[in-house]
Structure formats: structure tokens, C-alpha cells
Amino acid sequence: MTVPVARLEATMNRDGFAIIPGVLALGQIDRLRPCAEVGAPLLRAGQAFGGRNLLADAGIRKLAMDEPISALIEAAAGTAMTPVRALFFDKTPGANWPVLWHQDLMIAVAQRHEKDGWGPWSLKAGVVHVEPPVALLETMVTIRLNLDDNDAANGPLRVLPGTHRLGRLKRERVAELRKEIGEVVCVAPLGSAILMRPLLLHASSPAEEPNHRRVIQIEYAPKDALPQPLRWAFAQEPAPPEEGALPPGIA
């Protein structure tokens, strides 16, 4: 189900996802495949199946902020956005299993600052993560860039449309929604993008014939979404001075 860019915001508000073909050119994909593996690796039985902290890499930061990707994100969100986290996922013969139905509830921040309604906290690959209030998650948009064909046999993303509008969901409610709402299998070709809201219920099956199903996932939020003194872990602007600190150059 592909969506014209002019209708992205309305589609995202209604369904919580959209598929956009032809976002990456073949030459760009060839350059990105090794770049996608620069982050802190995710391992299972010694086999890498993904990576974290990709925004620490200059090439991924540039990709996240370049046209046409930044324009797609702003069209989907209806406002200016900034990249705040990037991950890499793959499915290979040695790393191929189902991903159960879930919502993406965690964000990456620079430091831990206790706040009402924020938590639990955790540390993933050296970066502080926290579950923020639902109101913040509702402002965010994720893009999944497909570096391989994501067909019906290759463990594609599956979604339950509209579930992003239901807030944070308990396990029992997820089981009910699976019976109430027909899932959509997001078949997406090489170079395409899948846009989605983090609160959208999503899952994937093991690939039937696993080779590669490489995806770069970049998450975006409004720049001013975090309350002070929290900051994004991979902010693109310098951190504000600490209270009482002298401005740079004054000692």
C-alpha cells in the first residue's frame, strides 16, 4: 500500500504507517550497506543481527538529515523534526526468529534525570534509555529504509493499522486487538521506506529462506519535545551550559 506524499500526514494519523517506494537509489544502497553495520552490534549466539547508536556515525547522520528523507518525515509529521536514534536490523540464517507484537516505547537520552511519569530507565550499548509519557511518543515518526527486498517470504514487517491511537497497550489488550483488527503485511521493495508511528503495534515472522533483510531504522521527534534538563543522546546541537557555568571563553 503506497501513499502519495501529499496525503502522508492524513494517512499516518489514520493508519499509523505508510509505504513509500524509490526513496533510496541503488548506488546509495550499496554505500549504506556497510555503513549500517558501524553501530554497537546486537548479537545472538555470536551472530550479529543488528546494531545500535548509528547516529554516532557521520554518514548515517547525513542520511537522516538529507532530502528526500527529511522532507518525507516532515510531510508525515506535519512539523519540523530532528533525528534522535538510529538502529540497524538484519535477518540471516544464523539470526532469524519471530519478533512478537509490540510498540516502540523507549527513547535514547544523554543523561538520567528523574521525572514523574518517566521510566523505567535502562542502559543499552552505553546509552541511557527511558520510557517517556505517551504524549511524547505520539509526536514521533520512524522511518525504516529497506536495503534489501522485503517480500512476503523475507520476514517482513506486519502491522495492526490504527493501533497507534490507542495509547500504551497492555499484553491482554494486544491479544484482543490481534483478533479485532486484520494485520497488514508490509511488502516493501529494495530502496523503499516504511514510515510508522512508534505506538503502532508491529511484529515480524522469521524469514522462510533467510539471506539478508537489512533495514536502517531512524526515529525522529520535534526538537523541543524533551522537557529540561533532558536532552537527546544524539542531539545535533551543542548542549546548553549547566546552571551556574560560565560561557565558553570566560574563565
Foldseek 3Di string as FASTA:
>chain_A
DADDLQCQQVQCQFFFKHKFAQQDDLVRLVVCPVLQPPAQFDDDPRDTFKHWDSLVDPVVQCVCPDPPNQVSQCSNLVHHKHWQIKMKGKAAPVRWFKFDWDFQFKAWWADDDDDPQKDDWDADPNTIMIGHALVQLQNKKKKKFWSAFQAPQAFAKKFFTPQNVVTHDDPVVVVVSPVVTPIDGDGHHHGMMMMGRRRTTMMTGTHNHGHIGMIMMIMMGHCPSDDPPIGRNSDPDDHDDDPPDDPPPDD
